[in-house]
C-alpha atoms as a PDB file:
ATOM      1  CA  MET A   1     -16.799  22.073   3.068  1.00  0.00           C
ATOM      2  CA  GLU A   2     -15.377  25.568   3.643  1.00  0.00           C
ATOM      3  CA  ASP A   3     -13.462  24.196   6.619  1.00  0.00           C
ATOM      4  CA  LEU A   4     -11.931  21.476   4.390  1.00  0.00           C
ATOM      5  CA  LYS A   5     -10.941  24.036   1.777  1.00  0.00           C
ATOM      6  CA  ALA A   6      -9.293  26.213   4.434  1.00  0.00           C
ATOM      7  CA  LYS A   7      -7.380  23.192   5.827  1.00  0.00           C
ATOM      8  CA  LYS A   8      -6.214  22.211   2.344  1.00  0.00           C
ATOM      9  CA  SER A   9      -5.168  25.774   1.626  1.00  0.00           C
ATOM     10  CA  GLU A  10      -3.131  25.873   4.844  1.00  0.00           C
ATOM     11  CA  ILE A  11      -1.433  22.511   4.067  1.00  0.00           C
ATOM     12  CA  ARG A  12      -0.733  23.671   0.500  1.00  0.00           C
ATOM     13  CA  LYS A  13       0.858  26.897   1.767  1.00  0.00           C
ATOM     14  CA  SER A  14       2.974  25.390   4.584  1.00  0.00           C
ATOM     15  CA  THR A  15       4.152  22.375   2.549  1.00  0.00           C
ATOM     16  CA  ARG A  16       5.049  24.516  -0.430  1.00  0.00           C
ATOM     17  CA  ALA A  17       7.068  26.787   1.884  1.00  0.00           C
ATOM     18  CA  LYS A  18       9.000  23.737   3.190  1.00  0.00           C
ATOM     19  CA  ARG A  19       9.649  22.539  -0.349  1.00  0.00           C
ATOM     20  CA  ASP A  20      10.702  26.034  -1.484  1.00  0.00           C
ATOM     21  CA  ALA A  21      13.100  26.218   1.482  1.00  0.00           C
ATOM     22  CA  LEU A  22      15.190  23.315   0.189  1.00  0.00           C
ATOM     23  CA  SER A  23      18.459  24.522  -1.320  1.00  0.00           C
ATOM     24  CA  LYS A  24      19.204  23.820  -4.980  1.00  0.00           C
ATOM     25  CA  LYS A  25      21.818  21.271  -3.861  1.00  0.00           C
ATOM     26  CA  GLU A  26      19.379  19.499  -1.488  1.00  0.00           C
ATOM     27  CA  ARG A  27      16.701  19.428  -4.163  1.00  0.00           C
ATOM     28  CA  SER A  28      19.142  18.007  -6.676  1.00  0.00           C
ATOM     29  CA  GLU A  29      20.461  15.303  -4.300  1.00  0.00           C
ATOM     30  CA  LYS A  30      16.983  14.297  -3.124  1.00  0.00           C
ATOM     31  CA  SER A  31      15.663  14.249  -6.721  1.00  0.00           C
ATOM     32  CA  ALA A  32      18.557  11.957  -7.710  1.00  0.00           C
ATOM     33  CA  ALA A  33      17.705   9.570  -4.827  1.00  0.00           C
ATOM     34  CA  ILE A  34      14.025   9.568  -5.895  1.00  0.00           C
ATOM     35  CA  MET A  35      15.040   8.880  -9.486  1.00  0.00           C
ATOM     36  CA  GLU A  36      17.188   5.928  -8.391  1.00  0.00           C
ATOM     37  CA  GLN A  37      14.245   4.407  -6.498  1.00  0.00           C
ATOM     38  CA  LEU A  38      11.862   4.982  -9.419  1.00  0.00           C
ATOM     39  CA  PHE A  39      14.187   3.365 -11.965  1.00  0.00           C
ATOM     40  CA  ASP A  40      14.623   0.289  -9.709  1.00  0.00           C
ATOM     41  CA  PHE A  41      10.889   0.070  -9.082  1.00  0.00           C
ATOM     42  CA  ALA A  42       9.262  -3.067 -10.563  1.00  0.00           C
ATOM     43  CA  ASN A  43       6.137  -1.242 -11.800  1.00  0.00           C
ATOM     44  CA  PHE A  44       8.346   1.228 -13.651  1.00  0.00           C
ATOM     45  CA  LEU A  45      10.601  -1.478 -15.114  1.00  0.00           C
ATOM     46  CA  GLU A  46       7.556  -3.402 -16.396  1.00  0.00           C
ATOM     47  CA  SER A  47       5.879  -0.324 -17.902  1.00  0.00           C
ATOM     48  CA  ARG A  48       6.060   0.326 -21.620  1.00  0.00           C
ATOM     49  CA  ILE A  49       4.336   3.752 -21.662  1.00  0.00           C
ATOM     50  CA  VAL A  50       5.113   6.127 -18.790  1.00  0.00           C
ATOM     51  CA  LEU A  51       3.393   9.474 -18.321  1.00  0.00           C
ATOM     52  CA  PHE A  52       5.776  11.961 -16.707  1.00  0.00           C
ATOM     53  CA  TYR A  53       5.349  15.723 -16.218  1.00  0.00           C
ATOM     54  CA  MET A  54       7.991  18.406 -16.574  1.00  0.00           C
ATOM     55  CA  SER A  55       8.849  19.757 -13.130  1.00  0.00           C
ATOM     56  CA  ASN A  56       8.523  23.414 -12.324  1.00  0.00           C
ATOM     57  CA  ASN A  57       9.902  25.654  -9.567  1.00  0.00           C
ATOM     58  CA  SER A  58      10.802  23.635  -6.440  1.00  0.00           C
ATOM     59  CA  GLU A  59       9.228  20.297  -7.492  1.00  0.00           C
ATOM     60  CA  VAL A  60      11.195  17.031  -7.610  1.00  0.00           C
ATOM     61  CA  ASP A  61      13.329  17.445 -10.745  1.00  0.00           C
ATOM     62  CA  THR A  62      11.817  15.165 -13.396  1.00  0.00           C
ATOM     63  CA  GLU A  63      13.896  16.287 -16.380  1.00  0.00           C
ATOM     64  CA  PRO A  64      16.793  13.818 -15.771  1.00  0.00           C
ATOM     65  CA  MET A  65      14.161  11.058 -15.341  1.00  0.00           C
ATOM     66  CA  VAL A  66      12.490  11.895 -18.650  1.00  0.00           C
ATOM     67  CA  ARG A  67      15.876  11.951 -20.405  1.00  0.00           C
ATOM     68  CA  LYS A  68      16.939   8.611 -18.906  1.00  0.00           C
ATOM     69  CA  ALA A  69      13.562   6.991 -19.675  1.00  0.00           C
ATOM     70  CA  LEU A  70      13.969   8.063 -23.315  1.00  0.00           C
ATOM     71  CA  GLU A  71      17.533   6.686 -23.288  1.00  0.00           C
ATOM     72  CA  ILE A  72      16.367   3.264 -22.103  1.00  0.00           C
ATOM     73  CA  GLU A  73      13.669   3.343 -24.791  1.00  0.00           C
ATOM     74  CA  LYS A  74      10.559   3.725 -22.697  1.00  0.00           C
ATOM     75  CA  ILE A  75       7.672   5.385 -24.496  1.00  0.00           C
ATOM     76  CA  VAL A  76       7.452   8.711 -22.672  1.00  0.00           C
ATOM     77  CA  ALA A  77       4.269  10.750 -22.646  1.00  0.00           C
ATOM     78  CA  LEU A  78       3.921  14.273 -21.248  1.00  0.00           C
ATOM     79  CA  PRO A  79       0.679  16.064 -20.371  1.00  0.00           C
ATOM     80  CA  LEU A  80      -0.701  18.874 -22.479  1.00  0.00           C
ATOM     81  CA  ILE A  81      -3.220  21.034 -20.609  1.00  0.00           C
ATOM     82  CA  ASP A  82      -6.270  21.723 -22.769  1.00  0.00           C
ATOM     83  CA  ARG A  83      -7.670  24.739 -20.936  1.00  0.00           C
ATOM     84  CA  GLY A  84     -10.741  24.955 -23.181  1.00  0.00           C
ATOM     85  CA  LYS A  85     -11.847  21.408 -22.349  1.00  0.00           C
ATOM     86  CA  GLN A  86     -10.326  21.586 -18.839  1.00  0.00           C
ATOM     87  CA  GLU A  87      -8.467  18.313 -19.374  1.00  0.00           C
ATOM     88  CA  ILE A  88      -5.062  16.684 -19.678  1.00  0.00           C
ATOM     89  CA  VAL A  89      -4.106  15.158 -23.032  1.00  0.00           C
ATOM     90  CA  PRO A  90      -0.991  12.913 -23.077  1.00  0.00           C
ATOM     91  CA  PHE A  91       1.406  13.195 -26.035  1.00  0.00           C
ATOM     92  CA  LYS A  92       4.432  11.012 -26.839  1.00  0.00           C
ATOM     93  CA  VAL A  93       7.736  12.887 -26.824  1.00  0.00           C
ATOM     94  CA  ASP A  94      10.999  11.650 -28.336  1.00  0.00           C
ATOM     95  CA  ASN A  95      13.267  14.643 -27.818  1.00  0.00           C
ATOM     96  CA  LEU A  96      12.988  17.320 -25.119  1.00  0.00           C
ATOM     97  CA  GLU A  97      14.799  19.975 -27.153  1.00  0.00           C
ATOM     98  CA  ARG A  98      12.545  19.539 -30.166  1.00  0.00           C
ATOM     99  CA  ASP A  99       9.191  18.334 -28.798  1.00  0.00           C
ATOM    100  CA  VAL A 100       8.360  20.574 -25.799  1.00  0.00           C
ATOM    101  CA  ARG A 101       7.938  24.271 -25.049  1.00  0.00           C
ATOM    102  CA  PRO A 102       6.724  26.344 -22.066  1.00  0.00           C
ATOM    103  CA  ARG A 103       2.930  26.767 -22.043  1.00  0.00           C
ATOM    104  CA  TYR A 104       0.402  26.659 -19.185  1.00  0.00           C
ATOM    105  CA  ARG A 105       1.947  28.289 -16.071  1.00  0.00           C
ATOM    106  CA  LYS A 106       5.303  28.276 -17.967  1.00  0.00           C
ATOM    107  CA  ILE A 107       5.463  24.480 -17.585  1.00  0.00           C
ATOM    108  CA  ARG A 108       7.065  22.717 -20.530  1.00  0.00           C
ATOM    109  CA  GLU A 109       4.457  20.747 -22.466  1.00  0.00           C
ATOM    110  CA  PRO A 110       4.474  18.735 -25.702  1.00  0.00           C
ATOM    111  CA  ILE A 111       4.007  20.582 -28.986  1.00  0.00           C
ATOM    112  CA  PRO A 112       0.914  18.869 -30.466  1.00  0.00           C
ATOM    113  CA  GLN A 113       2.029  19.526 -34.068  1.00  0.00           C
ATOM    114  CA  ARG A 114       5.261  17.599 -33.434  1.00  0.00           C
ATOM    115  CA  CYS A 115       3.989  14.824 -31.146  1.00  0.00           C
ATOM    116  CA  LYS A 116       1.516  11.990 -31.359  1.00  0.00           C
ATOM    117  CA  GLN A 117      -1.380  11.792 -28.905  1.00  0.00           C
ATOM    118  CA  VAL A 118      -1.305   8.755 -26.588  1.00  0.00           C
ATOM    119  CA  PRO A 119      -4.657   7.201 -25.645  1.00  0.00           C
ATOM    120  CA  VAL A 120      -5.054   7.625 -21.867  1.00  0.00           C
ATOM    121  CA  LYS A 121      -5.949   3.925 -21.436  1.00  0.00           C
ATOM    122  CA  HIS A 122      -2.557   2.925 -22.942  1.00  0.00           C
ATOM    123  CA  VAL A 123      -0.535   4.580 -20.155  1.00  0.00           C
ATOM    124  CA  ASN A 124       0.969   1.863 -17.898  1.00  0.00           C
ATOM    125  CA  LEU A 125       2.367   4.132 -15.192  1.00  0.00           C
ATOM    126  CA  ALA A 126       1.381   7.735 -14.490  1.00  0.00           C
ATOM    127  CA  ILE A 127       3.612  10.090 -12.504  1.00  0.00           C
ATOM    128  CA  ILE A 128       1.230  12.455 -10.714  1.00  0.00           C
ATOM    129  CA  PRO A 129       2.403  15.864  -9.418  1.00  0.00           C
ATOM    130  CA  GLY A 130       1.266  17.435  -6.172  1.00  0.00           C
ATOM    131  CA  ILE A 131       2.216  19.719  -3.318  1.00  0.00           C
ATOM    132  CA  ALA A 132       1.406  17.495  -0.324  1.00  0.00           C
ATOM    133  CA  PHE A 133       0.702  13.795   0.213  1.00  0.00           C
ATOM    134  CA  ASP A 134      -0.200  11.498   3.087  1.00  0.00           C
ATOM    135  CA  GLU A 135       0.621   7.821   3.651  1.00  0.00           C
ATOM    136  CA  ARG A 136      -2.858   6.762   2.489  1.00  0.00           C
ATOM    137  CA  GLY A 137      -2.112   8.144  -0.980  1.00  0.00           C
ATOM    138  CA  GLY A 138      -4.076  11.353  -0.350  1.00  0.00           C
ATOM    139  CA  ARG A 139      -2.900  14.268  -2.464  1.00  0.00           C
ATOM    140  CA  ILE A 140      -3.218  18.033  -2.608  1.00  0.00           C
ATOM    141  CA  GLY A 141      -2.435  19.456  -6.021  1.00  0.00           C
ATOM    142  CA  TYR A 142      -2.299  23.022  -7.252  1.00  0.00           C
ATOM    143  CA  GLY A 143      -6.029  23.637  -6.944  1.00  0.00           C
ATOM    144  CA  THR A 144      -6.954  23.418 -10.638  1.00  0.00           C
ATOM    145  CA  GLY A 145      -8.425  19.890 -10.518  1.00  0.00           C
ATOM    146  CA  PHE A 146      -6.790  18.773 -13.791  1.00  0.00           C
ATOM    147  CA  TYR A 147      -5.330  15.588 -12.299  1.00  0.00           C
ATOM    148  CA  ASP A 148      -8.444  14.839 -10.212  1.00  0.00           C
ATOM    149  CA  ARG A 149     -10.369  14.779 -13.506  1.00  0.00           C
ATOM    150  CA  PHE A 150      -7.623  12.888 -15.334  1.00  0.00           C
ATOM    151  CA  ILE A 151      -6.947  10.038 -12.859  1.00  0.00           C
ATOM    152  CA  PRO A 152     -10.381   8.358 -13.293  1.00  0.00           C
ATOM    153  CA  GLN A 153      -9.749   8.166 -17.065  1.00  0.00           C
ATOM    154  CA  LEU A 154      -6.682   5.959 -16.546  1.00  0.00           C
ATOM    155  CA  ASP A 155      -7.035   2.207 -16.879  1.00  0.00           C
ATOM    156  CA  ILE A 156      -7.742   0.419 -13.590  1.00  0.00           C
ATOM    157  CA  THR A 157      -4.350  -1.342 -13.909  1.00  0.00           C
ATOM    158  CA  THR A 158      -2.374   1.888 -14.392  1.00  0.00           C
ATOM    159  CA  ARG A 159      -0.207   2.644 -11.367  1.00  0.00           C
ATOM    160  CA  LYS A 160      -0.481   6.232 -10.145  1.00  0.00           C
ATOM    161  CA  VAL A 161       2.856   7.233  -8.643  1.00  0.00           C
ATOM    162  CA  ALA A 162       3.726  10.481  -6.862  1.00  0.00           C
ATOM    163  CA  LEU A 163       7.313  11.706  -6.584  1.00  0.00           C
ATOM    164  CA  SER A 164       7.700  13.692  -3.389  1.00  0.00           C
ATOM    165  CA  PHE A 165      10.325  15.045  -1.063  1.00  0.00           C
ATOM    166  CA  GLU A 166       9.937  13.675   2.454  1.00  0.00           C
ATOM    167  CA  CYS A 167       9.078  17.235   3.654  1.00  0.00           C
ATOM    168  CA  GLN A 168       5.900  17.062   1.497  1.00  0.00           C
ATOM    169  CA  ILE A 169       4.476  14.087   3.440  1.00  0.00           C
ATOM    170  CA  VAL A 170       1.883  15.298   5.951  1.00  0.00           C
ATOM    171  CA  PRO A 171      -0.076  13.357   8.627  1.00  0.00           C
ATOM    172  CA  GLN A 172      -3.421  13.587   6.836  1.00  0.00           C
ATOM    173  CA  ILE A 173      -4.858  15.204   3.730  1.00  0.00           C
ATOM    174  CA  PRO A 174      -8.512  16.257   4.091  1.00  0.00           C
ATOM    175  CA  MET A 175      -9.982  14.578   0.997  1.00  0.00           C
ATOM    176  CA  GLU A 176     -13.119  15.867  -0.728  1.00  0.00           C
ATOM    177  CA  PRO A 177     -15.388  13.624  -2.863  1.00  0.00           C
ATOM    178  CA  HIS A 178     -13.779  14.788  -6.133  1.00  0.00           C
ATOM    179  CA  ASP A 179     -10.187  14.284  -4.884  1.00  0.00           C
ATOM    180  CA  ARG A 180      -8.243  11.292  -6.214  1.00  0.00           C
ATOM    181  CA  TYR A 181      -5.659   9.140  -4.468  1.00  0.00           C
ATOM    182  CA  THR A 182      -2.250   8.000  -5.726  1.00  0.00           C
ATOM    183  CA  ASP A 183      -1.220   4.331  -5.367  1.00  0.00           C
ATOM    184  CA  ILE A 184       2.428   4.811  -4.483  1.00  0.00           C
ATOM    185  CA  ILE A 185       4.618   7.681  -3.278  1.00  0.00           C
ATOM    186  CA  ILE A 186       8.375   7.647  -3.834  1.00  0.00           C
ATOM    187  CA  THR A 187      10.458   9.936  -1.630  1.00  0.00           C
ATOM    188  CA  GLU A 188      14.217  10.237  -1.241  1.00  0.00           C
ATOM    189  CA  LYS A 189      13.975   7.888   1.788  1.00  0.00           C
ATOM    190  CA  ARG A 190      11.249   5.325   1.022  1.00  0.00           C
ATOM    191  CA  ILE A 191       8.489   3.946  -1.137  1.00  0.00           C
ATOM    192  CA  ILE A 192       5.044   4.363   0.431  1.00  0.00           C
ATOM    193  CA  TYR A 193       2.289   2.020  -0.725  1.00  0.00           C
ATOM    194  CA  LYS A 194      -1.283   3.226  -0.264  1.00  0.00           C
ATOM    195  CA  ILE A 195      -2.661   1.712   2.940  1.00  0.00           C
END
């Protein structure tokens, strides 16, 4: 188990360094290509309620995606981190200027007093963050376990989609029993379906 943790820690560190090394321009261009693929993606087009997350630091930029999804009248939910209960609670947002503010780890989250909670089972497509992924849908997150606890709460039909730069795809993620897989990974170059 310790060996697995050390391997994951090493993958997390090296992949994050690769992602951080992308220039602002590269990140922006690659994020735009990922967005184009997502918005042409059948599962996304068919979804009524989409759970996004607000990107932070060197992650794929999700803000333009959230804005466009709102424009095309998708119901957009964003995760609120309930640190007391150690869980993710989705809330519907209608306006990024009015409905979100920086909270946990300075990530922008919904303001519960302004937004309506969305039942987890109603989410049709969930965009799942992470640092590294493999072609089997394996994922390494930020080490807090919030999404590993959240994913099993989603309906069995809910597609779990990761948005990732190609440099975040690694040969193999060492998965532990509590780790959860994603169904699909969208990079700037391709769409990877879980094997």
